[in-house]
Amino acid sequence: ICTNTAMEVTEWAVQFMGGNGYMREYHVERMMRDAKITQIYEGTNQIQ
């Protein structure tokens, strides 16, 4: 639940912040990239 929530929240954060959300200085694009791996390592969420 925590890693799926991370992916969903970061995607919407980028979307709601528009073009700025896509830019690195606003941080959320990095957070979205970081969120994806949390669904994969230490057992994929399908394993969970």
All heavy atoms as atom14 arrays in JSON, in Angstrom:
{
  "sequence": "ICTNTAMEVTEWAVQFMGGNGYMREYHVERMMRDAKITQIYEGTNQIQ",
  "atom14_mask": [
    [1, 1, 1, 1, 1, 1, 1, 1, 0, 0, 0, 0, 0, 0],
    [1, 1, 1, 1, 1, 1, 0, 0, 0, 0, 0, 0, 0, 0],
    [1, 1, 1, 1, 1, 1, 1, 0, 0, 0, 0, 0, 0, 0],
    [1, 1, 1, 1, 1, 1, 1, 1, 0, 0, 0, 0, 0, 0],
    [1, 1, 1, 1, 1, 1, 1, 0, 0, 0, 0, 0, 0, 0],
    [1, 1, 1, 1, 1, 0, 0, 0, 0, 0, 0, 0, 0, 0],
    [1, 1, 1, 1, 1, 1, 1, 1, 0, 0, 0, 0, 0, 0],
    [1, 1, 1, 1, 1, 1, 1, 1, 1, 0, 0, 0, 0, 0],
    [1, 1, 1, 1, 1, 1, 1, 0, 0, 0, 0, 0, 0, 0],
    [1, 1, 1, 1, 1, 1, 1, 0, 0, 0, 0, 0, 0, 0],
    [1, 1, 1, 1, 1, 1, 1, 1, 1, 0, 0, 0, 0, 0],
    [1, 1, 1, 1, 1, 1, 1, 1, 1, 1, 1, 1, 1, 1],
    [1, 1, 1, 1, 1, 0, 0, 0, 0, 0, 0, 0, 0, 0],
    [1, 1, 1, 1, 1, 1, 1, 0, 0, 0, 0, 0, 0, 0],
    [1, 1, 1, 1, 1, 1, 1, 1, 1, 0, 0, 0, 0, 0],
    [1, 1, 1, 1, 1, 1, 1, 1, 1, 1, 1, 0, 0, 0],
    [1, 1, 1, 1, 1, 1, 1, 1, 0, 0, 0, 0, 0, 0],
    [1, 1, 1, 1, 0, 0, 0, 0, 0, 0, 0, 0, 0, 0],
    [1, 1, 1, 1, 0, 0, 0, 0, 0, 0, 0, 0, 0, 0],
    [1, 1, 1, 1, 1, 1, 1, 1, 0, 0, 0, 0, 0, 0],
    [1, 1, 1, 1, 0, 0, 0, 0, 0, 0, 0, 0, 0, 0],
    [1, 1, 1, 1, 1, 1, 1, 1, 1, 1, 1, 1, 0, 0],
    [1, 1, 1, 1, 1, 1, 1, 1, 0, 0, 0, 0, 0, 0],
    [1, 1, 1, 1, 1, 1, 1, 1, 1, 1, 1, 0, 0, 0],
    [1, 1, 1, 1, 1, 1, 1, 1, 1, 0, 0, 0, 0, 0],
    [1, 1, 1, 1, 1, 1, 1, 1, 1, 1, 1, 1, 0, 0],
    [1, 1, 1, 1, 1, 1, 1, 1, 1, 1, 0, 0, 0, 0],
    [1, 1, 1, 1, 1, 1, 1, 0, 0, 0, 0, 0, 0, 0],
    [1, 1, 1, 1, 1, 1, 1, 1, 1, 0, 0, 0, 0, 0],
    [1, 1, 1, 1, 1, 1, 1, 1, 1, 1, 1, 0, 0, 0],
    [1, 1, 1, 1, 1, 1, 1, 1, 0, 0, 0, 0, 0, 0],
    [1, 1, 1, 1, 1, 1, 1, 1, 0, 0, 0, 0, 0, 0],
    [1, 1, 1, 1, 1, 1, 1, 1, 1, 1, 1, 0, 0, 0],
    [1, 1, 1, 1, 1, 1, 1, 1, 0, 0, 0, 0, 0, 0],
    [1, 1, 1, 1, 1, 0, 0, 0, 0, 0, 0, 0, 0, 0],
    [1, 1, 1, 1, 1, 1, 1, 1, 1, 0, 0, 0, 0, 0],
    [1, 1, 1, 1, 1, 1, 1, 1, 0, 0, 0, 0, 0, 0],
    [1, 1, 1, 1, 1, 1, 1, 0, 0, 0, 0, 0, 0, 0],
    [1, 1, 1, 1, 1, 1, 1, 1, 1, 0, 0, 0, 0, 0],
    [1, 1, 1, 1, 1, 1, 1, 1, 0, 0, 0, 0, 0, 0],
    [1, 1, 1, 1, 1, 1, 1, 1, 1, 1, 1, 1, 0, 0],
    [1, 1, 1, 1, 1, 1, 1, 1, 1, 0, 0, 0, 0, 0],
    [1, 1, 1, 1, 0, 0, 0, 0, 0, 0, 0, 0, 0, 0],
    [1, 1, 1, 1, 1, 1, 1, 0, 0, 0, 0, 0, 0, 0],
    [1, 1, 1, 1, 1, 1, 1, 1, 0, 0, 0, 0, 0, 0],
    [1, 1, 1, 1, 1, 1, 1, 1, 1, 0, 0, 0, 0, 0],
    [1, 1, 1, 1, 1, 1, 1, 1, 0, 0, 0, 0, 0, 0],
    [1, 1, 1, 1, 1, 1, 1, 1, 1, 0, 0, 0, 0, 0]
  ],
  "atom14_positions": [
    [[0.82, -1.21, 0.0], [0.0, 0.0, 0.0], [0.85, 1.26, 0.0], [0.54, 2.24, -0.68], [-0.99, 0.0, 1.19], [-1.98, 1.18, 1.04], [-0.28, 0.06, 2.53], [-3.1, 1.17, 2.06], [0.0, 0.0, 0.0], [0.0, 0.0, 0.0], [0.0, 0.0, 0.0], [0.0, 0.0, 0.0], [0.0, 0.0, 0.0], [0.0, 0.0, 0.0]],
    [[1.96, 1.26, 0.73], [2.78, 2.48, 0.81], [3.46, 2.79, -0.51], [3.53, 3.96, -0.93], [3.83, 2.33, 1.91], [3.17, 2.42, 3.59], [0.0, 0.0, 0.0], [0.0, 0.0, 0.0], [0.0, 0.0, 0.0], [0.0, 0.0, 0.0], [0.0, 0.0, 0.0], [0.0, 0.0, 0.0], [0.0, 0.0, 0.0], [0.0, 0.0, 0.0]],
    [[3.95, 1.77, -1.19], [4.67, 2.03, -2.44], [3.71, 2.33, -3.59], [4.01, 3.17, -4.45], [5.61, 0.87, -2.79], [4.85, -0.33, -2.98], [6.63, 0.65, -1.68], [0.0, 0.0, 0.0], [0.0, 0.0, 0.0], [0.0, 0.0, 0.0], [0.0, 0.0, 0.0], [0.0, 0.0, 0.0], [0.0, 0.0, 0.0], [0.0, 0.0, 0.0]],
    [[2.54, 1.69, -3.61], [1.54, 2.05, -4.61], [1.05, 3.48, -4.39], [0.83, 4.23, -5.34], [0.36, 1.08, -4.57], [0.66, -0.24, -5.25], [1.67, -0.39, -5.94], [-0.2, -1.22, -5.04], [0.0, 0.0, 0.0], [0.0, 0.0, 0.0], [0.0, 0.0, 0.0], [0.0, 0.0, 0.0], [0.0, 0.0, 0.0], [0.0, 0.0, 0.0]],
    [[0.9, 3.86, -3.14], [0.49, 5.22, -2.82], [1.55, 6.22, -3.25], [1.24, 7.29, -3.79], [0.2, 5.36, -1.31], [-0.85, 4.45, -0.95], [-0.22, 6.77, -0.95], [0.0, 0.0, 0.0], [0.0, 0.0, 0.0], [0.0, 0.0, 0.0], [0.0, 0.0, 0.0], [0.0, 0.0, 0.0], [0.0, 0.0, 0.0], [0.0, 0.0, 0.0]],
    [[2.82, 5.87, -3.05], [3.91, 6.75, -3.48], [3.84, 7.01, -4.98], [3.99, 8.15, -5.44], [5.26, 6.14, -3.12], [0.0, 0.0, 0.0], [0.0, 0.0, 0.0], [0.0, 0.0, 0.0], [0.0, 0.0, 0.0], [0.0, 0.0, 0.0], [0.0, 0.0, 0.0], [0.0, 0.0, 0.0], [0.0, 0.0, 0.0], [0.0, 0.0, 0.0]],
    [[3.6, 5.96, -5.76], [3.54, 6.12, -7.2], [2.35, 6.98, -7.61], [2.47, 7.89, -8.45], [3.46, 4.73, -7.86], [3.76, 4.72, -9.34], [5.5, 5.07, -9.71], [5.37, 6.58, -10.65], [0.0, 0.0, 0.0], [0.0, 0.0, 0.0], [0.0, 0.0, 0.0], [0.0, 0.0, 0.0], [0.0, 0.0, 0.0], [0.0, 0.0, 0.0]],
    [[1.2, 6.73, -7.01], [0.0, 7.49, -7.37], [0.13, 8.96, -6.98], [-0.19, 9.86, -7.77], [-1.24, 6.87, -6.7], [-2.53, 7.58, -7.08], [-3.77, 6.94, -6.49], [-3.64, 5.99, -5.7], [-4.88, 7.41, -6.82], [0.0, 0.0, 0.0], [0.0, 0.0, 0.0], [0.0, 0.0, 0.0], [0.0, 0.0, 0.0], [0.0, 0.0, 0.0]],
    [[0.6, 9.22, -5.78], [0.69, 10.6, -5.31], [1.69, 11.39, -6.14], [1.44, 12.54, -6.51], [1.07, 10.64, -3.81], [1.4, 12.07, -3.37], [-0.07, 10.07, -2.95], [0.0, 0.0, 0.0], [0.0, 0.0, 0.0], [0.0, 0.0, 0.0], [0.0, 0.0, 0.0], [0.0, 0.0, 0.0], [0.0, 0.0, 0.0], [0.0, 0.0, 0.0]],
    [[2.84, 10.79, -6.43], [3.85, 11.54, -7.19], [3.39, 11.83, -8.62], [3.66, 12.91, -9.15], [5.2, 10.8, -7.21], [5.02, 9.47, -7.72], [5.81, 10.74, -5.82], [0.0, 0.0, 0.0], [0.0, 0.0, 0.0], [0.0, 0.0, 0.0], [0.0, 0.0, 0.0], [0.0, 0.0, 0.0], [0.0, 0.0, 0.0], [0.0, 0.0, 0.0]],
    [[2.66, 10.89, -9.23], [2.14, 11.16, -10.57], [1.17, 12.34, -10.56], [1.23, 13.22, -11.43], [1.44, 9.91, -11.11], [2.36, 8.81, -11.57], [1.59, 7.7, -12.25], [0.99, 6.88, -11.54], [1.6, 7.65, -13.5], [0.0, 0.0, 0.0], [0.0, 0.0, 0.0], [0.0, 0.0, 0.0], [0.0, 0.0, 0.0], [0.0, 0.0, 0.0]],
    [[0.29, 12.37, -9.57], [-0.67, 13.47, -9.49], [0.01, 14.77, -9.1], [-0.4, 15.85, -9.55], [-1.79, 13.12, -8.51], [-2.84, 12.24, -9.12], [-3.11, 10.94, -8.82], [-3.76, 12.61, -10.15], [-4.14, 10.46, -9.6], [-4.55, 11.47, -10.42], [-3.99, 13.77, -10.88], [-5.56, 11.48, -11.38], [-5.0, 13.79, -11.84], [-5.77, 12.65, -12.09]],
    [[1.05, 14.71, -8.28], [1.77, 15.93, -7.92], [2.38, 16.56, -9.16], [2.3, 17.79, -9.35], [2.85, 15.62, -6.88], [0.0, 0.0, 0.0], [0.0, 0.0, 0.0], [0.0, 0.0, 0.0], [0.0, 0.0, 0.0], [0.0, 0.0, 0.0], [0.0, 0.0, 0.0], [0.0, 0.0, 0.0], [0.0, 0.0, 0.0], [0.0, 0.0, 0.0]],
    [[3.0, 15.74, -10.0], [3.56, 16.26, -11.25], [2.44, 16.85, -12.11], [2.56, 17.95, -12.68], [4.32, 15.16, -12.01], [4.69, 15.62, -13.42], [5.57, 14.74, -11.25], [0.0, 0.0, 0.0], [0.0, 0.0, 0.0], [0.0, 0.0, 0.0], [0.0, 0.0, 0.0], [0.0, 0.0, 0.0], [0.0, 0.0, 0.0], [0.0, 0.0, 0.0]],
    [[1.32, 16.14, -12.22], [0.21, 16.59, -13.06], [-0.36, 17.91, -12.57], [-0.57, 18.85, -13.36], [-0.89, 15.52, -13.08], [-2.05, 15.83, -14.01], [-1.66, 15.76, -15.48], [-0.73, 15.05, -15.84], [-2.36, 16.5, -16.32], [0.0, 0.0, 0.0], [0.0, 0.0, 0.0], [0.0, 0.0, 0.0], [0.0, 0.0, 0.0], [0.0, 0.0, 0.0]],
    [[-0.61, 18.01, -11.28], [-1.24, 19.21, -10.74], [-0.31, 20.41, -10.72], [-0.76, 21.55, -10.71], [-1.78, 18.95, -9.33], [-3.02, 18.09, -9.31], [-3.45, 17.5, -8.13], [-3.76, 17.86, -10.46], [-4.58, 16.7, -8.1], [-4.89, 17.06, -10.45], [-5.3, 16.49, -9.26], [0.0, 0.0, 0.0], [0.0, 0.0, 0.0], [0.0, 0.0, 0.0]],
    [[0.99, 20.15, -10.73], [1.95, 21.26, -10.79], [2.3, 21.61, -12.24], [3.11, 22.51, -12.49], [3.19, 20.91, -9.98], [2.89, 20.85, -8.49], [4.23, 20.17, -7.46], [5.46, 21.45, -7.59], [0.0, 0.0, 0.0], [0.0, 0.0, 0.0], [0.0, 0.0, 0.0], [0.0, 0.0, 0.0], [0.0, 0.0, 0.0], [0.0, 0.0, 0.0]],
    [[1.69, 20.9, -13.18], [1.79, 21.24, -14.59], [3.21, 21.21, -15.12], [4.02, 20.36, -14.76], [0.0, 0.0, 0.0], [0.0, 0.0, 0.0], [0.0, 0.0, 0.0], [0.0, 0.0, 0.0], [0.0, 0.0, 0.0], [0.0, 0.0, 0.0], [0.0, 0.0, 0.0], [0.0, 0.0, 0.0], [0.0, 0.0, 0.0], [0.0, 0.0, 0.0]],
    [[3.52, 22.17, -15.98], [4.85, 22.23, -16.58], [5.94, 22.37, -15.53], [7.03, 21.8, -15.68], [0.0, 0.0, 0.0], [0.0, 0.0, 0.0], [0.0, 0.0, 0.0], [0.0, 0.0, 0.0], [0.0, 0.0, 0.0], [0.0, 0.0, 0.0], [0.0, 0.0, 0.0], [0.0, 0.0, 0.0], [0.0, 0.0, 0.0], [0.0, 0.0, 0.0]],
    [[5.65, 23.09, -14.47], [6.64, 23.23, -13.4], [6.91, 21.89, -12.71], [8.04, 21.6, -12.33], [6.19, 24.27, -12.37], [6.33, 25.69, -12.88], [7.2, 25.98, -13.7], [5.45, 26.57, -12.44], [0.0, 0.0, 0.0], [0.0, 0.0, 0.0], [0.0, 0.0, 0.0], [0.0, 0.0, 0.0], [0.0, 0.0, 0.0], [0.0, 0.0, 0.0]],
    [[5.87, 21.1, -12.56], [6.05, 19.79, -11.94], [7.0, 18.89, -12.71], [7.64, 18.01, -12.13], [0.0, 0.0, 0.0], [0.0, 0.0, 0.0], [0.0, 0.0, 0.0], [0.0, 0.0, 0.0], [0.0, 0.0, 0.0], [0.0, 0.0, 0.0], [0.0, 0.0, 0.0], [0.0, 0.0, 0.0], [0.0, 0.0, 0.0], [0.0, 0.0, 0.0]],
    [[7.1, 19.14, -14.0], [7.98, 18.34, -14.86], [9.43, 18.8, -14.78], [10.32, 18.12, -15.26], [7.47, 18.44, -16.31], [7.9, 17.32, -17.2], [7.41, 16.03, -17.02], [8.79, 17.55, -18.25], [7.81, 15.0, -17.87], [9.19, 16.53, -19.1], [8.69, 15.25, -18.9], [9.08, 14.24, -19.73], [0.0, 0.0, 0.0], [0.0, 0.0, 0.0]],
    [[9.65, 19.95, -14.16], [10.99, 20.52, -14.09], [11.7, 20.1, -12.8], [11.07, 20.0, -11.75], [10.92, 22.05, -14.16], [10.25, 22.55, -15.42], [11.06, 21.91, -16.92], [9.74, 22.07, -18.12], [0.0, 0.0, 0.0], [0.0, 0.0, 0.0], [0.0, 0.0, 0.0], [0.0, 0.0, 0.0], [0.0, 0.0, 0.0], [0.0, 0.0, 0.0]],
    [[12.99, 19.9, -12.91], [13.73, 19.3, -11.8], [13.74, 20.16, -10.54], [13.76, 19.62, -9.44], [15.16, 18.99, -12.25], [15.18, 17.9, -13.31], [16.51, 17.21, -13.45], [16.35, 16.0, -14.24], [17.32, 15.13, -14.45], [18.51, 15.33, -13.94], [17.09, 14.05, -15.17], [0.0, 0.0, 0.0], [0.0, 0.0, 0.0], [0.0, 0.0, 0.0]],
    [[13.75, 21.48, -10.69], [13.88, 22.31, -9.5], [12.67, 22.24, -8.58], [12.73, 22.67, -7.43], [14.16, 23.76, -9.89], [13.07, 24.44, -10.7], [13.37, 24.41, -12.19], [13.94, 23.41, -12.67], [13.0, 25.39, -12.88], [0.0, 0.0, 0.0], [0.0, 0.0, 0.0], [0.0, 0.0, 0.0], [0.0, 0.0, 0.0], [0.0, 0.0, 0.0]],
    [[11.58, 21.65, -9.05], [10.38, 21.52, -8.21], [10.32, 20.18, -7.48], [9.37, 19.91, -6.78], [9.12, 21.75, -9.06], [8.92, 23.21, -9.38], [9.57, 23.8, -10.46], [8.1, 24.02, -8.6], [9.41, 25.15, -10.76], [7.92, 25.36, -8.88], [8.59, 25.92, -9.96], [8.43, 27.26, -10.25], [0.0, 0.0, 0.0], [0.0, 0.0, 0.0]],
    [[11.28, 19.32, -7.68], [11.49, 18.09, -6.9], [10.54, 16.93, -7.21], [10.93, 15.77, -7.08], [11.42, 18.37, -5.38], [12.5, 19.24, -4.88], [13.76, 18.75, -4.55], [12.55, 20.58, -4.64], [14.52, 19.75, -4.12], [13.81, 20.87, -4.18], [0.0, 0.0, 0.0], [0.0, 0.0, 0.0], [0.0, 0.0, 0.0], [0.0, 0.0, 0.0]],
    [[9.29, 17.2, -7.58], [8.33, 16.1, -7.65], [8.61, 15.15, -8.81], [8.24, 13.97, -8.74], [6.87, 16.6, -7.68], [6.49, 17.22, -6.34], [6.63, 17.58, -8.82], [0.0, 0.0, 0.0], [0.0, 0.0, 0.0], [0.0, 0.0, 0.0], [0.0, 0.0, 0.0], [0.0, 0.0, 0.0], [0.0, 0.0, 0.0], [0.0, 0.0, 0.0]],
    [[9.24, 15.62, -9.89], [9.58, 14.68, -10.97], [10.61, 13.66, -10.48], [10.56, 12.48, -10.84], [10.07, 15.42, -12.22], [11.4, 16.15, -12.09], [12.6, 15.25, -12.28], [12.5, 14.24, -13.0], [13.65, 15.55, -11.69], [0.0, 0.0, 0.0], [0.0, 0.0, 0.0], [0.0, 0.0, 0.0], [0.0, 0.0, 0.0], [0.0, 0.0, 0.0]],
    [[11.55, 14.1, -9.65], [12.52, 13.18, -9.04], [11.81, 12.2, -8.12], [12.11, 11.0, -8.12], [13.57, 13.97, -8.26], [14.47, 13.1, -7.38], [15.58, 13.93, -6.73], [15.07, 15.1, -6.03], [14.62, 15.08, -4.77], [14.57, 13.94, -4.1], [14.19, 16.18, -4.19], [0.0, 0.0, 0.0], [0.0, 0.0, 0.0], [0.0, 0.0, 0.0]],
    [[10.86, 12.7, -7.35], [10.12, 11.83, -6.44], [9.33, 10.77, -7.2], [9.23, 9.62, -6.76], [9.2, 12.67, -5.56], [9.95, 13.57, -4.59], [8.84, 14.65, -3.65], [9.98, 15.33, -2.44], [0.0, 0.0, 0.0], [0.0, 0.0, 0.0], [0.0, 0.0, 0.0], [0.0, 0.0, 0.0], [0.0, 0.0, 0.0], [0.0, 0.0, 0.0]],
    [[8.79, 11.16, -8.37], [8.05, 10.18, -9.18], [9.0, 9.1, -9.69], [8.67, 7.9, -9.67], [7.36, 10.88, -10.34], [6.47, 9.94, -11.16], [5.54, 10.78, -12.46], [6.83, 11.05, -13.67], [0.0, 0.0, 0.0], [0.0, 0.0, 0.0], [0.0, 0.0, 0.0], [0.0, 0.0, 0.0], [0.0, 0.0, 0.0], [0.0, 0.0, 0.0]],
    [[10.19, 9.5, -10.14], [11.17, 8.51, -10.6], [11.61, 7.6, -9.44], [11.79, 6.39, -9.62], [12.39, 9.21, -11.21], [12.11, 9.85, -12.55], [13.36, 10.39, -13.19], [13.83, 11.65, -12.61], [14.9, 11.8, -11.84], [15.65, 10.74, -11.52], [15.26, 12.98, -11.38], [0.0, 0.0, 0.0], [0.0, 0.0, 0.0], [0.0, 0.0, 0.0]],
    [[11.78, 8.2, -8.28], [12.18, 7.41, -7.11], [11.08, 6.44, -6.68], [11.36, 5.32, -6.23], [12.51, 8.33, -5.93], [13.79, 9.13, -6.14], [14.58, 8.8, -7.04], [14.01, 10.1, -5.37], [0.0, 0.0, 0.0], [0.0, 0.0, 0.0], [0.0, 0.0, 0.0], [0.0, 0.0, 0.0], [0.0, 0.0, 0.0], [0.0, 0.0, 0.0]],
    [[9.83, 6.86, -6.81], [8.71, 6.04, -6.33], [8.61, 4.72, -7.08], [8.25, 3.69, -6.5], [7.4, 6.82, -6.45], [0.0, 0.0, 0.0], [0.0, 0.0, 0.0], [0.0, 0.0, 0.0], [0.0, 0.0, 0.0], [0.0, 0.0, 0.0], [0.0, 0.0, 0.0], [0.0, 0.0, 0.0], [0.0, 0.0, 0.0], [0.0, 0.0, 0.0]],
    [[8.94, 4.73, -8.37], [8.69, 3.52, -9.18], [9.43, 2.31, -8.65], [8.87, 1.21, -8.58], [9.07, 3.79, -10.65], [8.73, 2.64, -11.57], [7.22, 2.37, -11.55], [6.88, 0.95, -11.94], [5.45, 0.66, -11.79], [0.0, 0.0, 0.0], [0.0, 0.0, 0.0], [0.0, 0.0, 0.0], [0.0, 0.0, 0.0], [0.0, 0.0, 0.0]],
    [[10.69, 2.49, -8.27], [11.47, 1.33, -7.84], [10.95, 0.74, -6.54], [11.13, -0.46, -6.28], [12.97, 1.69, -7.72], [13.83, 0.44, -7.51], [13.2, 2.69, -6.6], [13.75, -0.57, -8.61], [0.0, 0.0, 0.0], [0.0, 0.0, 0.0], [0.0, 0.0, 0.0], [0.0, 0.0, 0.0], [0.0, 0.0, 0.0], [0.0, 0.0, 0.0]],
    [[10.26, 1.55, -5.74], [9.74, 1.01, -4.47], [8.7, -0.08, -4.71], [8.47, -0.92, -3.83], [9.15, 2.11, -3.58], [7.95, 2.63, -4.16], [10.15, 3.24, -3.35], [0.0, 0.0, 0.0], [0.0, 0.0, 0.0], [0.0, 0.0, 0.0], [0.0, 0.0, 0.0], [0.0, 0.0, 0.0], [0.0, 0.0, 0.0], [0.0, 0.0, 0.0]],
    [[8.06, -0.05, -5.88], [7.09, -1.09, -6.22], [7.77, -2.37, -6.71], [7.1, -3.39, -6.89], [6.15, -0.59, -7.31], [5.26, 0.58, -6.9], [4.39, 1.03, -8.06], [4.88, 1.37, -9.14], [3.08, 1.02, -7.85], [0.0, 0.0, 0.0], [0.0, 0.0, 0.0], [0.0, 0.0, 0.0], [0.0, 0.0, 0.0], [0.0, 0.0, 0.0]],
    [[9.09, -2.31, -6.9], [9.81, -3.42, -7.51], [10.74, -4.13, -6.54], [10.71, -5.36, -6.42], [10.6, -2.91, -8.74], [9.64, -2.36, -9.81], [11.48, -4.01, -9.32], [10.31, -1.64, -10.95], [0.0, 0.0, 0.0], [0.0, 0.0, 0.0], [0.0, 0.0, 0.0], [0.0, 0.0, 0.0], [0.0, 0.0, 0.0], [0.0, 0.0, 0.0]],
    [[11.62, -3.36, -5.84], [12.61, -4.07, -5.02], [12.05, -4.55, -3.69], [10.95, -4.18, -3.29], [13.9, -3.29, -4.85], [13.9, -1.87, -4.35], [12.92, -1.36, -3.51], [14.94, -1.03, -4.72], [12.98, -0.06, -3.05], [15.01, 0.28, -4.27], [14.02, 0.76, -3.42], [14.1, 2.06, -2.97], [0.0, 0.0, 0.0], [0.0, 0.0, 0.0]],
    [[12.81, -5.42, -3.05], [12.41, -6.11, -1.82], [11.13, -6.91, -2.01], [10.29, -7.02, -1.14], [12.27, -5.13, -0.65], [13.44, -4.2, -0.54], [14.15, -4.25, 0.79], [13.78, -5.06, 1.65], [15.1, -3.48, 0.94], [0.0, 0.0, 0.0], [0.0, 0.0, 0.0], [0.0, 0.0, 0.0], [0.0, 0.0, 0.0], [0.0, 0.0, 0.0]],
    [[11.01, -7.49, -3.21], [9.82, -8.24, -3.58], [8.86, -7.34, -4.33], [8.36, -6.36, -3.76], [0.0, 0.0, 0.0], [0.0, 0.0, 0.0], [0.0, 0.0, 0.0], [0.0, 0.0, 0.0], [0.0, 0.0, 0.0], [0.0, 0.0, 0.0], [0.0, 0.0, 0.0], [0.0, 0.0, 0.0], [0.0, 0.0, 0.0], [0.0, 0.0, 0.0]],
    [[8.63, -7.6, -5.61], [7.7, -6.78, -6.38], [6.34, -6.77, -5.68], [6.02, -7.65, -4.87], [7.51, -7.34, -7.8], [6.87, -8.62, -7.71], [8.84, -7.47, -8.53], [0.0, 0.0, 0.0], [0.0, 0.0, 0.0], [0.0, 0.0, 0.0], [0.0, 0.0, 0.0], [0.0, 0.0, 0.0], [0.0, 0.0, 0.0], [0.0, 0.0, 0.0]],
    [[5.52, -5.8, -6.02], [4.2, -5.75, -5.38], [3.31, -6.91, -5.79], [2.36, -7.25, -5.08], [3.54, -4.4, -5.64], [4.1, -3.33, -4.73], [5.04, -3.57, -3.97], [3.54, -2.13, -4.79], [0.0, 0.0, 0.0], [0.0, 0.0, 0.0], [0.0, 0.0, 0.0], [0.0, 0.0, 0.0], [0.0, 0.0, 0.0], [0.0, 0.0, 0.0]],
    [[3.64, -7.54, -6.91], [2.92, -8.77, -7.26], [3.3, -9.91, -6.31], [2.46, -10.75, -5.95], [3.21, -9.15, -8.71], [2.57, -8.22, -9.74], [3.15, -6.82, -9.75], [4.38, -6.65, -9.66], [2.3, -5.81, -9.84], [0.0, 0.0, 0.0], [0.0, 0.0, 0.0], [0.0, 0.0, 0.0], [0.0, 0.0, 0.0], [0.0, 0.0, 0.0]],
    [[4.55, -9.94, -5.88], [4.95, -10.91, -4.87], [4.24, -10.64, -3.55], [3.82, -11.58, -2.84], [6.48, -10.89, -4.68], [7.19, -11.44, -5.92], [6.9, -11.67, -3.43], [6.94, -12.91, -6.19], [0.0, 0.0, 0.0], [0.0, 0.0, 0.0], [0.0, 0.0, 0.0], [0.0, 0.0, 0.0], [0.0, 0.0, 0.0], [0.0, 0.0, 0.0]],
    [[4.06, -9.36, -3.21], [3.33, -9.05, -1.98], [1.88, -9.54, -2.07], [1.32, -10.03, -1.09], [3.35, -7.53, -1.7], [4.72, -6.89, -1.72], [5.8, -7.68, -1.01], [5.63, -8.05, 0.16], [6.9, -7.96, -1.7], [0.0, 0.0, 0.0], [0.0, 0.0, 0.0], [0.0, 0.0, 0.0], [0.0, 0.0, 0.0], [0.0, 0.0, 0.0]]
  ]
}
